[in-house]
PDB file of N, CA and C in Angstrom:
ATOM      1  N   MET A   1      58.073 237.172  39.337  1.00  0.00           N
ATOM      2  CA  MET A   1      56.608 236.980  38.917  1.00  0.00           C
ATOM      3  C   MET A   1      56.407 235.546  38.530  1.00  0.00           C
ATOM      4  N   ALA A   2      55.542 234.822  39.104  1.00  0.00           N
ATOM      5  CA  ALA A   2      55.288 233.474  39.037  1.00  0.00           C
ATOM      6  C   ALA A   2      55.089 232.949  37.645  1.00  0.00           C
ATOM      7  N   ASP A   3      54.373 233.778  36.846  1.00  0.00           N
ATOM      8  CA  ASP A   3      54.166 233.370  35.441  1.00  0.00           C
ATOM      9  C   ASP A   3      55.077 233.753  34.390  1.00  0.00           C
ATOM     10  N   CYS A   4      56.141 234.360  34.880  1.00  0.00           N
ATOM     11  CA  CYS A   4      57.326 234.777  33.887  1.00  0.00           C
ATOM     12  C   CYS A   4      58.317 233.544  33.671  1.00  0.00           C
ATOM     13  N   ILE A   5      58.528 233.191  32.537  1.00  0.00           N
ATOM     14  CA  ILE A   5      59.368 232.005  32.258  1.00  0.00           C
ATOM     15  C   ILE A   5      60.765 232.399  32.668  1.00  0.00           C
ATOM     16  N   PHE A   6      61.267 233.576  32.349  1.00  0.00           N
ATOM     17  CA  PHE A   6      62.704 233.914  32.770  1.00  0.00           C
ATOM     18  C   PHE A   6      62.793 234.103  34.276  1.00  0.00           C
ATOM     19  N   CYS A   7      61.805 234.503  34.905  1.00  0.00           N
ATOM     20  CA  CYS A   7      61.874 234.483  36.458  1.00  0.00           C
ATOM     21  C   CYS A   7      62.018 233.065  36.946  1.00  0.00           C
ATOM     22  N   ARG A   8      61.190 232.169  36.316  1.00  0.00           N
ATOM     23  CA  ARG A   8      61.176 230.717  36.689  1.00  0.00           C
ATOM     24  C   ARG A   8      62.606 230.131  36.446  1.00  0.00           C
ATOM     25  N   ILE A   9      63.195 230.525  35.253  1.00  0.00           N
ATOM     26  CA  ILE A   9      64.650 230.101  34.940  1.00  0.00           C
ATOM     27  C   ILE A   9      65.655 230.555  35.873  1.00  0.00           C
ATOM     28  N   ALA A  10      65.544 231.850  36.262  1.00  0.00           N
ATOM     29  CA  ALA A  10      66.439 232.409  37.156  1.00  0.00           C
ATOM     30  C   ALA A  10      66.303 231.831  38.502  1.00  0.00           C
ATOM     31  N   ALA A  11      65.051 231.347  38.879  1.00  0.00           N
ATOM     32  CA  ALA A  11      64.909 230.744  40.223  1.00  0.00           C
ATOM     33  C   ALA A  11      65.181 229.354  40.323  1.00  0.00           C
ATOM     34  N   GLY A  12      65.512 228.758  39.171  1.00  0.00           N
ATOM     35  CA  GLY A  12      65.820 227.379  39.108  1.00  0.00           C
ATOM     36  C   GLY A  12      64.602 226.453  38.976  1.00  0.00           C
ATOM     37  N   ALA A  13      63.439 226.908  38.850  1.00  0.00           N
ATOM     38  CA  ALA A  13      62.249 226.232  38.788  1.00  0.00           C
ATOM     39  C   ALA A  13      62.048 225.498  37.341  1.00  0.00           C
ATOM     40  N   ILE A  14      62.669 226.112  36.342  1.00  0.00           N
ATOM     41  CA  ILE A  14      62.733 225.582  34.929  1.00  0.00           C
ATOM     42  C   ILE A  14      64.191 225.347  34.572  1.00  0.00           C
ATOM     43  N   PRO A  15      64.451 224.139  34.306  1.00  0.00           N
ATOM     44  CA  PRO A  15      65.903 223.877  33.809  1.00  0.00           C
ATOM     45  C   PRO A  15      66.465 224.644  32.604  1.00  0.00           C
ATOM     46  N   ALA A  16      67.638 224.964  32.562  1.00  0.00           N
ATOM     47  CA  ALA A  16      68.209 225.566  31.400  1.00  0.00           C
ATOM     48  C   ALA A  16      69.649 225.378  31.436  1.00  0.00           C
ATOM     49  N   LYS A  17      70.311 225.395  30.300  1.00  0.00           N
ATOM     50  CA  LYS A  17      71.724 224.982  30.169  1.00  0.00           C
ATOM     51  C   LYS A  17      72.553 226.355  30.510  1.00  0.00           C
ATOM     52  N   LYS A  18      72.665 226.515  31.898  1.00  0.00           N
ATOM     53  CA  LYS A  18      73.282 227.794  32.455  1.00  0.00           C
ATOM     54  C   LYS A  18      74.809 227.654  32.120  1.00  0.00           C
ATOM     55  N   LEU A  19      75.276 228.969  31.835  1.00  0.00           N
ATOM     56  CA  LEU A  19      76.625 229.167  31.645  1.00  0.00           C
ATOM     57  C   LEU A  19      77.174 229.977  32.801  1.00  0.00           C
ATOM     58  N   TYR A  20      76.392 230.725  33.400  1.00  0.00           N
ATOM     59  CA  TYR A  20      76.760 231.676  34.504  1.00  0.00           C
ATOM     60  C   TYR A  20      75.576 232.121  35.354  1.00  0.00           C
ATOM     61  N   GLU A  21      75.958 232.312  36.645  1.00  0.00           N
ATOM     62  CA  GLU A  21      74.936 232.820  37.509  1.00  0.00           C
ATOM     63  C   GLU A  21      75.620 233.519  38.781  1.00  0.00           C
ATOM     64  N   ASP A  22      75.170 234.646  38.985  1.00  0.00           N
ATOM     65  CA  ASP A  22      75.537 235.348  40.295  1.00  0.00           C
ATOM     66  C   ASP A  22      74.327 236.027  40.827  1.00  0.00           C
ATOM     67  N   ASP A  23      74.593 237.011  41.801  1.00  0.00           N
ATOM     68  CA  ASP A  23      73.468 237.573  42.524  1.00  0.00           C
ATOM     69  C   ASP A  23      72.604 238.442  41.665  1.00  0.00           C
ATOM     70  N   LEU A  24      73.127 238.964  40.544  1.00  0.00           N
ATOM     71  CA  LEU A  24      72.386 239.901  39.727  1.00  0.00           C
ATOM     72  C   LEU A  24      71.905 239.296  38.306  1.00  0.00           C
ATOM     73  N   VAL A  25      72.592 238.297  37.731  1.00  0.00           N
ATOM     74  CA  VAL A  25      72.221 237.969  36.445  1.00  0.00           C
ATOM     75  C   VAL A  25      72.386 236.366  36.357  1.00  0.00           C
ATOM     76  N   VAL A  26      71.746 235.827  35.190  1.00  0.00           N
ATOM     77  CA  VAL A  26      71.771 234.431  34.882  1.00  0.00           C
ATOM     78  C   VAL A  26      72.051 234.472  33.281  1.00  0.00           C
ATOM     79  N   ALA A  27      72.847 233.530  32.926  1.00  0.00           N
ATOM     80  CA  ALA A  27      73.204 233.422  31.474  1.00  0.00           C
ATOM     81  C   ALA A  27      73.071 231.891  31.113  1.00  0.00           C
ATOM     82  N   PHE A  28      72.384 231.762  29.911  1.00  0.00           N
ATOM     83  CA  PHE A  28      72.165 230.375  29.510  1.00  0.00           C
ATOM     84  C   PHE A  28      72.039 230.408  27.972  1.00  0.00           C
ATOM     85  N   HIS A  29      72.130 229.182  27.349  1.00  0.00           N
ATOM     86  CA  HIS A  29      71.919 228.943  25.955  1.00  0.00           C
ATOM     87  C   HIS A  29      70.442 229.106  25.609  1.00  0.00           C
ATOM     88  N   ASP A  30      70.072 229.712  24.501  1.00  0.00           N
ATOM     89  CA  ASP A  30      68.689 229.934  23.966  1.00  0.00           C
ATOM     90  C   ASP A  30      68.332 228.554  23.553  1.00  0.00           C
ATOM     91  N   ILE A  31      66.986 228.235  23.830  1.00  0.00           N
ATOM     92  CA  ILE A  31      66.504 226.901  23.453  1.00  0.00           C
ATOM     93  C   ILE A  31      66.148 226.933  21.917  1.00  0.00           C
ATOM     94  N   GLN A  32      65.984 228.105  21.306  1.00  0.00           N
ATOM     95  CA  GLN A  32      65.677 228.197  19.890  1.00  0.00           C
ATOM     96  C   GLN A  32      66.814 229.103  19.270  1.00  0.00           C
ATOM     97  N   PRO A  33      67.969 228.578  19.125  1.00  0.00           N
ATOM     98  CA  PRO A  33      69.082 229.405  18.747  1.00  0.00           C
ATOM     99  C   PRO A  33      68.984 230.009  17.393  1.00  0.00           C
ATOM    100  N   ALA A  34      69.267 231.278  17.191  1.00  0.00           N
ATOM    101  CA  ALA A  34      69.253 231.923  15.794  1.00  0.00           C
ATOM    102  C   ALA A  34      70.572 232.024  15.290  1.00  0.00           C
ATOM    103  N   ALA A  35      71.566 231.471  15.819  1.00  0.00           N
ATOM    104  CA  ALA A  35      72.919 231.340  15.435  1.00  0.00           C
ATOM    105  C   ALA A  35      73.520 230.109  15.983  1.00  0.00           C
ATOM    106  N   PRO A  36      74.742 229.628  15.547  1.00  0.00           N
ATOM    107  CA  PRO A  36      75.387 228.469  16.285  1.00  0.00           C
ATOM    108  C   PRO A  36      75.727 228.738  17.710  1.00  0.00           C
ATOM    109  N   ILE A  37      76.039 230.076  18.015  1.00  0.00           N
ATOM    110  CA  ILE A  37      76.204 230.466  19.440  1.00  0.00           C
ATOM    111  C   ILE A  37      75.107 231.444  19.697  1.00  0.00           C
ATOM    112  N   HIS A  38      74.146 231.165  20.661  1.00  0.00           N
ATOM    113  CA  HIS A  38      73.168 232.100  21.033  1.00  0.00           C
ATOM    114  C   HIS A  38      72.906 232.012  22.628  1.00  0.00           C
ATOM    115  N   ILE A  39      73.435 233.127  23.174  1.00  0.00           N
ATOM    116  CA  ILE A  39      73.413 233.072  24.778  1.00  0.00           C
ATOM    117  C   ILE A  39      72.423 234.135  25.058  1.00  0.00           C
ATOM    118  N   LEU A  40      71.548 233.915  26.093  1.00  0.00           N
ATOM    119  CA  LEU A  40      70.802 234.930  26.720  1.00  0.00           C
ATOM    120  C   LEU A  40      71.313 235.235  28.152  1.00  0.00           C
ATOM    121  N   VAL A  41      71.264 236.539  28.339  1.00  0.00           N
ATOM    122  CA  VAL A  41      71.752 236.961  29.729  1.00  0.00           C
ATOM    123  C   VAL A  41      70.652 237.840  30.296  1.00  0.00           C
ATOM    124  N   ILE A  42      70.028 237.444  31.404  1.00  0.00           N
ATOM    125  CA  ILE A  42      68.934 238.080  31.996  1.00  0.00           C
ATOM    126  C   ILE A  42      69.229 238.545  33.461  1.00  0.00           C
ATOM    127  N   PRO A  43      68.466 239.596  33.905  1.00  0.00           N
ATOM    128  CA  PRO A  43      68.727 239.913  35.350  1.00  0.00           C
ATOM    129  C   PRO A  43      67.843 238.876  36.159  1.00  0.00           C
ATOM    130  N   LYS A  44      68.302 238.616  37.374  1.00  0.00           N
ATOM    131  CA  LYS A  44      67.503 237.882  38.275  1.00  0.00           C
ATOM    132  C   LYS A  44      66.164 238.525  38.659  1.00  0.00           C
ATOM    133  N   ALA A  45      66.292 239.952  38.964  1.00  0.00           N
ATOM    134  CA  ALA A  45      65.069 240.535  39.233  1.00  0.00           C
ATOM    135  C   ALA A  45      64.218 240.686  37.942  1.00  0.00           C
ATOM    136  N   HIS A  46      62.959 240.771  38.205  1.00  0.00           N
ATOM    137  CA  HIS A  46      62.005 241.043  37.063  1.00  0.00           C
ATOM    138  C   HIS A  46      62.054 242.533  36.629  1.00  0.00           C
ATOM    139  N   VAL A  47      62.748 242.599  35.510  1.00  0.00           N
ATOM    140  CA  VAL A  47      62.783 243.963  34.736  1.00  0.00           C
ATOM    141  C   VAL A  47      62.121 243.624  33.546  1.00  0.00           C
ATOM    142  N   THR A  48      61.006 244.427  33.201  1.00  0.00           N
ATOM    143  CA  THR A  48      60.116 244.059  31.970  1.00  0.00           C
ATOM    144  C   THR A  48      60.835 244.212  30.706  1.00  0.00           C
ATOM    145  N   SER A  49      61.544 245.351  30.384  1.00  0.00           N
ATOM    146  CA  SER A  49      62.158 245.539  29.188  1.00  0.00           C
ATOM    147  C   SER A  49      63.266 246.746  29.454  1.00  0.00           C
ATOM    148  N   LEU A  50      64.017 246.945  28.300  1.00  0.00           N
ATOM    149  CA  LEU A  50      64.958 248.015  28.378  1.00  0.00           C
ATOM    150  C   LEU A  50      64.318 249.428  28.599  1.00  0.00           C
ATOM    151  N   ALA A  51      63.070 249.548  28.127  1.00  0.00           N
ATOM    152  CA  ALA A  51      62.322 250.670  28.285  1.00  0.00           C
ATOM    153  C   ALA A  51      61.953 250.929  29.685  1.00  0.00           C
ATOM    154  N   SER A  52      61.921 249.905  30.521  1.00  0.00           N
ATOM    155  CA  SER A  52      61.621 250.215  31.959  1.00  0.00           C
ATOM    156  C   SER A  52      62.792 250.325  32.999  1.00  0.00           C
ATOM    157  N   VAL A  53      63.981 250.427  32.577  1.00  0.00           N
ATOM    158  CA  VAL A  53      65.150 250.488  33.369  1.00  0.00           C
ATOM    159  C   VAL A  53      65.360 251.827  33.910  1.00  0.00           C
ATOM    160  N   GLU A  54      65.823 251.915  35.078  1.00  0.00           N
ATOM    161  CA  GLU A  54      65.998 253.180  35.818  1.00  0.00           C
ATOM    162  C   GLU A  54      67.500 253.212  36.295  1.00  0.00           C
ATOM    163  N   SER A  55      67.860 254.286  36.811  1.00  0.00           N
ATOM    164  CA  SER A  55      69.278 254.432  37.344  1.00  0.00           C
ATOM    165  C   SER A  55      69.625 253.404  38.356  1.00  0.00           C
ATOM    166  N   ALA A  56      68.773 252.819  39.009  1.00  0.00           N
ATOM    167  CA  ALA A  56      69.019 251.918  40.046  1.00  0.00           C
ATOM    168  C   ALA A  56      69.388 250.580  39.360  1.00  0.00           C
ATOM    169  N   HIS A  57      69.237 250.438  38.104  1.00  0.00           N
ATOM    170  CA  HIS A  57      69.541 249.154  37.410  1.00  0.00           C
ATOM    171  C   HIS A  57      70.893 249.249  36.586  1.00  0.00           C
ATOM    172  N   GLU A  58      71.641 250.381  36.952  1.00  0.00           N
ATOM    173  CA  GLU A  58      72.922 250.504  36.210  1.00  0.00           C
ATOM    174  C   GLU A  58      73.879 249.348  36.460  1.00  0.00           C
ATOM    175  N   ALA A  59      74.073 248.920  37.627  1.00  0.00           N
ATOM    176  CA  ALA A  59      74.975 247.866  37.956  1.00  0.00           C
ATOM    177  C   ALA A  59      74.686 246.645  37.133  1.00  0.00           C
ATOM    178  N   MET A  60      73.428 246.291  37.192  1.00  0.00           N
ATOM    179  CA  MET A  60      72.798 245.096  36.747  1.00  0.00           C
ATOM    180  C   MET A  60      73.039 245.126  35.135  1.00  0.00           C
ATOM    181  N   LEU A  61      72.752 246.364  34.577  1.00  0.00           N
ATOM    182  CA  LEU A  61      72.960 246.506  33.106  1.00  0.00           C
ATOM    183  C   LEU A  61      74.498 246.235  32.540  1.00  0.00           C
ATOM    184  N   GLY A  62      75.261 246.804  33.374  1.00  0.00           N
ATOM    185  CA  GLY A  62      76.787 246.674  33.106  1.00  0.00           C
ATOM    186  C   GLY A  62      77.137 245.125  33.274  1.00  0.00           C
ATOM    187  N   ARG A  63      76.517 244.455  34.344  1.00  0.00           N
ATOM    188  CA  ARG A  63      76.827 243.013  34.519  1.00  0.00           C
ATOM    189  C   ARG A  63      76.376 242.204  33.331  1.00  0.00           C
ATOM    190  N   LEU A  64      75.100 242.658  32.929  1.00  0.00           N
ATOM    191  CA  LEU A  64      74.626 241.779  31.707  1.00  0.00           C
ATOM    192  C   LEU A  64      75.587 241.837  30.481  1.00  0.00           C
ATOM    193  N   LEU A  65      76.081 243.025  30.124  1.00  0.00           N
ATOM    194  CA  LEU A  65      77.006 243.263  29.005  1.00  0.00           C
ATOM    195  C   LEU A  65      78.257 242.560  29.251  1.00  0.00           C
ATOM    196  N   ALA A  66      78.866 242.821  30.402  1.00  0.00           N
ATOM    197  CA  ALA A  66      80.188 242.300  30.726  1.00  0.00           C
ATOM    198  C   ALA A  66      80.298 240.785  30.736  1.00  0.00           C
ATOM    199  N   VAL A  67      79.154 240.112  31.342  1.00  0.00           N
ATOM    200  CA  VAL A  67      79.187 238.763  31.480  1.00  0.00           C
ATOM    201  C   VAL A  67      78.904 238.105  30.051  1.00  0.00           C
ATOM    202  N   GLY A  68      77.941 238.702  29.306  1.00  0.00           N
ATOM    203  CA  GLY A  68      77.622 238.203  27.999  1.00  0.00           C
ATOM    204  C   GLY A  68      78.826 238.294  27.020  1.00  0.00           C
ATOM    205  N   SER A  69      79.505 239.363  27.137  1.00  0.00           N
ATOM    206  CA  SER A  69      80.666 239.590  26.303  1.00  0.00           C
ATOM    207  C   SER A  69      81.713 238.439  26.559  1.00  0.00           C
ATOM    208  N   ARG A  70      81.951 238.309  27.801  1.00  0.00           N
ATOM    209  CA  ARG A  70      82.907 237.261  28.205  1.00  0.00           C
ATOM    210  C   ARG A  70      82.511 235.872  27.838  1.00  0.00           C
ATOM    211  N   LEU A  71      81.271 235.499  27.985  1.00  0.00           N
ATOM    212  CA  LEU A  71      80.712 234.164  27.732  1.00  0.00           C
ATOM    213  C   LEU A  71      80.749 233.934  26.164  1.00  0.00           C
ATOM    214  N   ALA A  72      80.444 234.957  25.487  1.00  0.00           N
ATOM    215  CA  ALA A  72      80.407 234.892  23.983  1.00  0.00           C
ATOM    216  C   ALA A  72      81.842 234.461  23.450  1.00  0.00           C
ATOM    217  N   LYS A  73      82.845 235.214  23.922  1.00  0.00           N
ATOM    218  CA  LYS A  73      84.164 234.890  23.487  1.00  0.00           C
ATOM    219  C   LYS A  73      84.614 233.546  24.041  1.00  0.00           C
ATOM    220  N   GLU A  74      84.351 233.119  25.240  1.00  0.00           N
ATOM    221  CA  GLU A  74      84.581 231.778  25.683  1.00  0.00           C
ATOM    222  C   GLU A  74      83.936 230.738  24.976  1.00  0.00           C
ATOM    223  N   GLN A  75      82.717 230.930  24.409  1.00  0.00           N
ATOM    224  CA  GLN A  75      81.926 230.037  23.633  1.00  0.00           C
ATOM    225  C   GLN A  75      82.410 229.931  22.186  1.00  0.00           C
ATOM    226  N   GLY A  76      83.358 230.816  21.846  1.00  0.00           N
ATOM    227  CA  GLY A  76      83.836 230.726  20.401  1.00  0.00           C
ATOM    228  C   GLY A  76      83.666 231.955  19.511  1.00  0.00           C
ATOM    229  N   CYS A  77      83.174 233.004  20.045  1.00  0.00           N
ATOM    230  CA  CYS A  77      82.954 234.236  19.224  1.00  0.00           C
ATOM    231  C   CYS A  77      84.211 235.163  19.460  1.00  0.00           C
ATOM    232  N   SER A  78      85.255 234.602  19.224  1.00  0.00           N
ATOM    233  CA  SER A  78      86.564 235.377  19.285  1.00  0.00           C
ATOM    234  C   SER A  78      86.755 236.491  18.137  1.00  0.00           C
ATOM    235  N   ASP A  79      86.018 236.290  17.029  1.00  0.00           N
ATOM    236  CA  ASP A  79      86.096 237.248  15.995  1.00  0.00           C
ATOM    237  C   ASP A  79      84.955 238.266  15.905  1.00  0.00           C
ATOM    238  N   GLY A  80      84.121 238.244  16.977  1.00  0.00           N
ATOM    239  CA  GLY A  80      82.964 239.113  17.036  1.00  0.00           C
ATOM    240  C   GLY A  80      81.682 238.544  17.296  1.00  0.00           C
ATOM    241  N   PHE A  81      80.600 239.206  17.652  1.00  0.00           N
ATOM    242  CA  PHE A  81      79.385 238.642  17.901  1.00  0.00           C
ATOM    243  C   PHE A  81      78.291 239.887  17.795  1.00  0.00           C
ATOM    244  N   ARG A  82      77.050 239.443  17.617  1.00  0.00           N
ATOM    245  CA  ARG A  82      76.000 240.429  17.623  1.00  0.00           C
ATOM    246  C   ARG A  82      75.250 240.463  18.999  1.00  0.00           C
ATOM    247  N   THR A  83      75.056 241.661  19.457  1.00  0.00           N
ATOM    248  CA  THR A  83      74.261 241.868  20.658  1.00  0.00           C
ATOM    249  C   THR A  83      72.897 242.367  20.485  1.00  0.00           C
ATOM    250  N   ILE A  84      71.829 241.871  20.853  1.00  0.00           N
ATOM    251  CA  ILE A  84      70.461 242.241  20.545  1.00  0.00           C
ATOM    252  C   ILE A  84      69.548 242.473  21.872  1.00  0.00           C
ATOM    253  N   VAL A  85      69.007 243.492  21.990  1.00  0.00           N
ATOM    254  CA  VAL A  85      67.996 243.771  23.094  1.00  0.00           C
ATOM    255  C   VAL A  85      66.644 244.000  22.400  1.00  0.00           C
ATOM    256  N   ASN A  86      65.754 243.149  22.226  1.00  0.00           N
ATOM    257  CA  ASN A  86      64.365 243.443  21.627  1.00  0.00           C
ATOM    258  C   ASN A  86      63.621 244.031  22.765  1.00  0.00           C
ATOM    259  N   THR A  87      62.996 245.174  22.414  1.00  0.00           N
ATOM    260  CA  THR A  87      62.309 245.984  23.415  1.00  0.00           C
ATOM    261  C   THR A  87      60.858 246.308  22.896  1.00  0.00           C
ATOM    262  N   GLY A  88      59.829 245.718  23.698  1.00  0.00           N
ATOM    263  CA  GLY A  88      58.452 246.099  23.311  1.00  0.00           C
ATOM    264  C   GLY A  88      57.913 245.326  22.160  1.00  0.00           C
ATOM    265  N   ARG A  89      56.606 245.758  21.758  1.00  0.00           N
ATOM    266  CA  ARG A  89      55.976 245.001  20.668  1.00  0.00           C
ATOM    267  C   ARG A  89      56.673 245.308  19.351  1.00  0.00           C
ATOM    268  N   VAL A  90      57.048 246.617  19.106  1.00  0.00           N
ATOM    269  CA  VAL A  90      57.661 247.033  17.876  1.00  0.00           C
ATOM    270  C   VAL A  90      59.075 246.319  17.719  1.00  0.00           C
ATOM    271  N   GLY A  91      59.757 246.149  18.829  1.00  0.00           N
ATOM    272  CA  GLY A  91      61.115 245.617  18.907  1.00  0.00           C
ATOM    273  C   GLY A  91      61.011 244.030  18.889  1.00  0.00           C
ATOM    274  N   ARG A  92      59.815 243.495  18.819  1.00  0.00           N
ATOM    275  CA  ARG A  92      59.642 242.039  18.788  1.00  0.00           C
ATOM    276  C   ARG A  92      60.062 241.343  20.110  1.00  0.00           C
ATOM    277  N   GLN A  93      59.835 241.925  21.175  1.00  0.00           N
ATOM    278  CA  GLN A  93      60.052 241.223  22.421  1.00  0.00           C
ATOM    279  C   GLN A  93      59.054 240.228  22.670  1.00  0.00           C
ATOM    280  N   GLU A  94      59.463 238.945  22.905  1.00  0.00           N
ATOM    281  CA  GLU A  94      58.565 237.886  23.135  1.00  0.00           C
ATOM    282  C   GLU A  94      58.259 237.552  24.506  1.00  0.00           C
ATOM    283  N   VAL A  95      59.342 237.684  25.467  1.00  0.00           N
ATOM    284  CA  VAL A  95      59.048 237.558  26.846  1.00  0.00           C
ATOM    285  C   VAL A  95      59.307 238.868  27.469  1.00  0.00           C
ATOM    286  N   TYR A  96      58.425 239.256  28.288  1.00  0.00           N
ATOM    287  CA  TYR A  96      58.524 240.602  28.913  1.00  0.00           C
ATOM    288  C   TYR A  96      59.347 240.542  30.224  1.00  0.00           C
ATOM    289  N   HIS A  97      60.580 240.160  30.146  1.00  0.00           N
ATOM    290  CA  HIS A  97      61.597 240.138  31.132  1.00  0.00           C
ATOM    291  C   HIS A  97      62.779 240.471  30.298  1.00  0.00           C
ATOM    292  N   LEU A  98      63.647 241.430  30.694  1.00  0.00           N
ATOM    293  CA  LEU A  98      64.707 241.976  29.905  1.00  0.00           C
ATOM    294  C   LEU A  98      65.734 240.824  29.532  1.00  0.00           C
ATOM    295  N   PRO A  99      65.869 240.641  28.294  1.00  0.00           N
ATOM    296  CA  PRO A  99      66.950 239.647  27.801  1.00  0.00           C
ATOM    297  C   PRO A  99      67.945 240.375  26.968  1.00  0.00           C
ATOM    298  N   VAL A 100      69.230 240.016  27.014  1.00  0.00           N
ATOM    299  CA  VAL A 100      70.270 240.559  26.137  1.00  0.00           C
ATOM    300  C   VAL A 100      70.648 239.221  25.400  1.00  0.00           C
ATOM    301  N   HIS A 101      70.552 239.172  24.165  1.00  0.00           N
ATOM    302  CA  HIS A 101      70.959 238.038  23.264  1.00  0.00           C
ATOM    303  C   HIS A 101      72.401 238.370  22.764  1.00  0.00           C
ATOM    304  N   PHE A 102      73.323 237.381  22.792  1.00  0.00           N
ATOM    305  CA  PHE A 102      74.597 237.386  22.304  1.00  0.00           C
ATOM    306  C   PHE A 102      74.665 236.291  21.240  1.00  0.00           C
ATOM    307  N   LEU A 103      74.888 236.731  19.999  1.00  0.00           N
ATOM    308  CA  LEU A 103      75.003 235.617  18.889  1.00  0.00           C
ATOM    309  C   LEU A 103      76.170 235.612  18.057  1.00  0.00           C
ATOM    310  N   GLY A 104      76.577 234.505  17.576  1.00  0.00           N
ATOM    311  CA  GLY A 104      77.866 234.498  16.771  1.00  0.00           C
ATOM    312  C   GLY A 104      77.985 233.081  16.389  1.00  0.00           C
ATOM    313  N   GLY A 105      79.181 232.938  15.843  1.00  0.00           N
ATOM    314  CA  GLY A 105      79.592 231.627  15.367  1.00  0.00           C
ATOM    315  C   GLY A 105      80.795 231.743  14.528  1.00  0.00           C
ATOM    316  N   PRO A 106      81.188 230.679  13.770  1.00  0.00           N
ATOM    317  CA  PRO A 106      82.399 230.678  13.048  1.00  0.00           C
ATOM    318  C   PRO A 106      82.234 231.619  11.682  1.00  0.00           C
ATOM    319  N   ASP A 107      80.958 231.861  11.240  1.00  0.00           N
ATOM    320  CA  ASP A 107      80.777 232.507  10.072  1.00  0.00           C
ATOM    321  C   ASP A 107      80.098 233.836  10.275  1.00  0.00           C
ATOM    322  N   VAL A 108      80.226 234.790   9.392  1.00  0.00           N
ATOM    323  CA  VAL A 108      79.692 236.124   9.506  1.00  0.00           C
ATOM    324  C   VAL A 108      78.146 236.026   9.500  1.00  0.00           C
ATOM    325  N   LEU A 109      77.491 236.689  10.433  1.00  0.00           N
ATOM    326  CA  LEU A 109      76.079 236.648  10.534  1.00  0.00           C
ATOM    327  C   LEU A 109      75.417 237.372   9.363  1.00  0.00           C
ATOM    328  N   PRO A 110      74.194 237.039   8.915  1.00  0.00           N
ATOM    329  CA  PRO A 110      73.581 237.788   7.977  1.00  0.00           C
ATOM    330  C   PRO A 110      73.110 239.144   8.361  1.00  0.00           C
ATOM    331  N   PRO A 111      72.718 240.047   7.409  1.00  0.00           N
ATOM    332  CA  PRO A 111      72.267 241.281   7.987  1.00  0.00           C
ATOM    333  C   PRO A 111      71.071 241.225   8.627  1.00  0.00           C
ATOM    334  N   MET A 112      70.833 242.155   9.741  1.00  0.00           N
ATOM    335  CA  MET A 112      69.676 242.058  10.551  1.00  0.00           C
ATOM    336  C   MET A 112      68.439 242.809   9.819  1.00  0.00           C
ATOM    337  N   LEU A 113      68.798 243.958   9.168  1.00  0.00           N
ATOM    338  CA  LEU A 113      67.737 244.808   8.636  1.00  0.00           C
ATOM    339  C   LEU A 113      67.968 244.912   7.177  1.00  0.00           C
ATOM    340  N   LYS A 114      66.800 244.960   6.491  1.00  0.00           N
ATOM    341  CA  LYS A 114      66.877 245.271   5.000  1.00  0.00           C
ATOM    342  C   LYS A 114      66.677 246.631   4.749  1.00  0.00           C
ATOM    343  N   HIS A 115      67.498 247.098   3.823  1.00  0.00           N
ATOM    344  CA  HIS A 115      67.523 248.602   3.500  1.00  0.00           C
ATOM    345  C   HIS A 115      66.511 248.922   2.516  1.00  0.00           C
TER     346      HIS A 115
END
């Protein structure tokens, strides 16, 4: 989609600090990191959100998680990391192109939800 920022990053039309790219996914550093290490892994194909995935997306979903896990560890998250998939308005999704966030750093991350 021409107006989707993540589609434009995946196509190389918008520069990003890419960490990985193959035929299914692109991984890059978030431009507004919420942690010392904040990696986004997105599909190259325009998939709106996790709520819109189908069985045809299984290989891509597996690649998103496998690549993100490997990159998080390579970037310094050897003692763990947080994985986030914001989905839809209620899930605070900002860009309607499926992103998987991998966050971490040297210190324990604060709680996500207040009880």
